Amino acid sequence: MTDNERRPWTFLTSHARVLILISQNPDIRVRDLAEIAGITERSTQRIIVELEDGGYLTHEKVGRRNRYKLSTTATLRHPREQAVEIGLLLDVFKNDDDSTS
């Protein structure tokens, strides 16, 4: 693979993107999450399970859909960032029209 053929890199991981999208819309479908994040539905489902296992979110069934709830006091995973709560990160990406906290 040459330099011109490399995939572009981004600052945020897929895990961060999924978490941010859920924070913006707790009722979002996995299909929509995957499409917006640019990853497969299977990857999105795996990431959601990992985020739940890590204590970053939970979900409840509402009819046939899931409603996600974030644990904004959970901290980032890197040893040098463990004092930073994810709520601070999510605030950076908060929608201007979002009236919930």
C-alpha atoms as a PDB file:
ATOM      1  CA  MET A   1       0.000   0.000   0.000  1.00  0.00           C
ATOM      2  CA  THR A   2       1.465   3.342  -1.001  1.00  0.00           C
ATOM      3  CA  ASP A   3       1.128   6.594   0.933  1.00  0.00           C
ATOM      4  CA  ASN A   4      -1.567   7.768  -1.492  1.00  0.00           C
ATOM      5  CA  GLU A   5      -3.610   4.571  -0.945  1.00  0.00           C
ATOM      6  CA  ARG A   6      -3.644   4.711   2.864  1.00  0.00           C
ATOM      7  CA  ARG A   7      -6.946   5.148   4.579  1.00  0.00           C
ATOM      8  CA  PRO A   8      -7.276   8.562   6.160  1.00  0.00           C
ATOM      9  CA  TRP A   9      -6.909   8.510   9.919  1.00  0.00           C
ATOM     10  CA  THR A  10      -9.101  10.302  12.406  1.00  0.00           C
ATOM     11  CA  PHE A  11      -8.689  11.428  15.995  1.00  0.00           C
ATOM     12  CA  LEU A  12     -11.719   9.559  17.296  1.00  0.00           C
ATOM     13  CA  THR A  13     -12.075   5.796  17.453  1.00  0.00           C
ATOM     14  CA  SER A  14     -15.232   3.997  16.393  1.00  0.00           C
ATOM     15  CA  HIS A  15     -15.978   3.478  20.090  1.00  0.00           C
ATOM     16  CA  ALA A  16     -15.882   7.233  20.674  1.00  0.00           C
ATOM     17  CA  ARG A  17     -18.048   7.899  17.620  1.00  0.00           C
ATOM     18  CA  VAL A  18     -20.685   5.389  18.737  1.00  0.00           C
ATOM     19  CA  LEU A  19     -20.691   6.838  22.262  1.00  0.00           C
ATOM     20  CA  ILE A  20     -21.039  10.391  20.945  1.00  0.00           C
ATOM     21  CA  LEU A  21     -23.865   9.436  18.581  1.00  0.00           C
ATOM     22  CA  ILE A  22     -25.723   7.657  21.378  1.00  0.00           C
ATOM     23  CA  SER A  23     -25.283  10.709  23.611  1.00  0.00           C
ATOM     24  CA  GLN A  24     -26.892  12.823  20.884  1.00  0.00           C
ATOM     25  CA  ASN A  25     -29.773  10.388  20.330  1.00  0.00           C
ATOM     26  CA  PRO A  26     -30.346   7.734  23.051  1.00  0.00           C
ATOM     27  CA  ASP A  27     -33.049   6.071  20.929  1.00  0.00           C
ATOM     28  CA  ILE A  28     -30.900   5.665  17.793  1.00  0.00           C
ATOM     29  CA  ARG A  29     -31.073   2.330  15.978  1.00  0.00           C
ATOM     30  CA  VAL A  30     -27.954   0.205  15.470  1.00  0.00           C
ATOM     31  CA  ARG A  31     -28.497   0.439  11.716  1.00  0.00           C
ATOM     32  CA  ASP A  32     -28.460   4.231  11.866  1.00  0.00           C
ATOM     33  CA  LEU A  33     -25.471   4.275  14.220  1.00  0.00           C
ATOM     34  CA  ALA A  34     -23.513   2.098  11.827  1.00  0.00           C
ATOM     35  CA  GLU A  35     -24.377   4.213   8.817  1.00  0.00           C
ATOM     36  CA  ILE A  36     -23.486   7.515  10.466  1.00  0.00           C
ATOM     37  CA  ALA A  37     -20.292   6.142  12.054  1.00  0.00           C
ATOM     38  CA  GLY A  38     -19.219   4.538   8.782  1.00  0.00           C
ATOM     39  CA  ILE A  39     -18.847   1.036  10.211  1.00  0.00           C
ATOM     40  CA  THR A  40     -20.756  -2.219   9.842  1.00  0.00           C
ATOM     41  CA  GLU A  41     -23.795  -3.087  11.947  1.00  0.00           C
ATOM     42  CA  ARG A  42     -21.897  -6.061  13.346  1.00  0.00           C
ATOM     43  CA  SER A  43     -19.021  -3.788  14.454  1.00  0.00           C
ATOM     44  CA  THR A  44     -21.521  -1.367  15.953  1.00  0.00           C
ATOM     45  CA  GLN A  45     -23.186  -4.143  17.943  1.00  0.00           C
ATOM     46  CA  ARG A  46     -19.783  -5.360  19.184  1.00  0.00           C
ATOM     47  CA  ILE A  47     -18.819  -1.837  20.244  1.00  0.00           C
ATOM     48  CA  ILE A  48     -22.111  -1.369  22.121  1.00  0.00           C
ATOM     49  CA  VAL A  49     -21.511  -4.628  24.021  1.00  0.00           C
ATOM     50  CA  GLU A  50     -17.955  -3.532  24.859  1.00  0.00           C
ATOM     51  CA  LEU A  51     -19.164  -0.127  26.037  1.00  0.00           C
ATOM     52  CA  GLU A  52     -21.814  -1.807  28.196  1.00  0.00           C
ATOM     53  CA  ASP A  53     -19.272  -4.273  29.595  1.00  0.00           C
ATOM     54  CA  GLY A  54     -16.971  -1.341  30.372  1.00  0.00           C
ATOM     55  CA  GLY A  55     -19.702   0.466  32.310  1.00  0.00           C
ATOM     56  CA  TYR A  56     -20.077   3.331  29.832  1.00  0.00           C
ATOM     57  CA  LEU A  57     -23.694   2.689  28.924  1.00  0.00           C
ATOM     58  CA  THR A  58     -26.725   0.546  29.600  1.00  0.00           C
ATOM     59  CA  HIS A  59     -29.835  -0.057  27.582  1.00  0.00           C
ATOM     60  CA  GLU A  60     -33.475  -0.824  28.165  1.00  0.00           C
ATOM     61  CA  LYS A  61     -36.028  -2.186  25.763  1.00  0.00           C
ATOM     62  CA  VAL A  62     -38.766   0.230  24.767  1.00  0.00           C
ATOM     63  CA  GLY A  63     -41.109  -1.675  22.525  1.00  0.00           C
ATOM     64  CA  ARG A  64     -38.960  -3.224  19.818  1.00  0.00           C
ATOM     65  CA  ARG A  65     -36.165  -0.686  20.198  1.00  0.00           C
ATOM     66  CA  ASN A  66     -33.401   0.052  22.671  1.00  0.00           C
ATOM     67  CA  ARG A  67     -33.012   3.230  24.661  1.00  0.00           C
ATOM     68  CA  TYR A  68     -29.460   3.824  25.815  1.00  0.00           C
ATOM     69  CA  LYS A  69     -28.347   5.552  28.987  1.00  0.00           C
ATOM     70  CA  LEU A  70     -24.795   6.783  29.391  1.00  0.00           C
ATOM     71  CA  SER A  71     -22.728   6.767  32.544  1.00  0.00           C
ATOM     72  CA  THR A  72     -21.193  10.202  32.099  1.00  0.00           C
ATOM     73  CA  THR A  73     -19.106   9.813  35.255  1.00  0.00           C
ATOM     74  CA  ALA A  74     -17.231   6.821  33.839  1.00  0.00           C
ATOM     75  CA  THR A  75     -13.663   7.799  33.048  1.00  0.00           C
ATOM     76  CA  LEU A  76     -11.526   7.459  29.948  1.00  0.00           C
ATOM     77  CA  ARG A  77      -9.569   4.222  29.721  1.00  0.00           C
ATOM     78  CA  HIS A  78      -6.028   5.377  29.017  1.00  0.00           C
ATOM     79  CA  PRO A  79      -3.936   5.409  32.221  1.00  0.00           C
ATOM     80  CA  ARG A  80      -3.006   9.072  31.729  1.00  0.00           C
ATOM     81  CA  GLU A  81      -6.634  10.074  31.167  1.00  0.00           C
ATOM     82  CA  GLN A  82      -8.391   8.110  33.889  1.00  0.00           C
ATOM     83  CA  ALA A  83      -9.249  11.274  35.814  1.00  0.00           C
ATOM     84  CA  VAL A  84     -11.313  12.569  32.878  1.00  0.00           C
ATOM     85  CA  GLU A  85     -15.016  11.688  32.906  1.00  0.00           C
ATOM     86  CA  ILE A  86     -16.592  10.882  29.541  1.00  0.00           C
ATOM     87  CA  GLY A  87     -19.211  13.532  30.193  1.00  0.00           C
ATOM     88  CA  LEU A  88     -16.546  16.166  29.523  1.00  0.00           C
ATOM     89  CA  LEU A  89     -15.757  14.596  26.157  1.00  0.00           C
ATOM     90  CA  LEU A  90     -19.424  14.265  25.263  1.00  0.00           C
ATOM     91  CA  ASP A  91     -20.069  17.916  26.141  1.00  0.00           C
ATOM     92  CA  VAL A  92     -17.702  18.929  23.347  1.00  0.00           C
ATOM     93  CA  PHE A  93     -19.963  17.155  20.853  1.00  0.00           C
ATOM     94  CA  LYS A  94     -23.272  18.140  22.405  1.00  0.00           C
ATOM     95  CA  ASN A  95     -25.881  19.364  19.940  1.00  0.00           C
ATOM     96  CA  ASP A  96     -26.676  23.054  20.325  1.00  0.00           C
ATOM     97  CA  ASP A  97     -30.392  22.219  20.264  1.00  0.00           C
ATOM     98  CA  ASP A  98     -30.011  19.427  22.859  1.00  0.00           C
ATOM     99  CA  SER A  99     -31.901  20.481  25.965  1.00  0.00           C
ATOM    100  CA  THR A 100     -31.087  17.349  28.018  1.00  0.00           C
ATOM    101  CA  SER A 101     -28.047  16.876  30.216  1.00  0.00           C
END
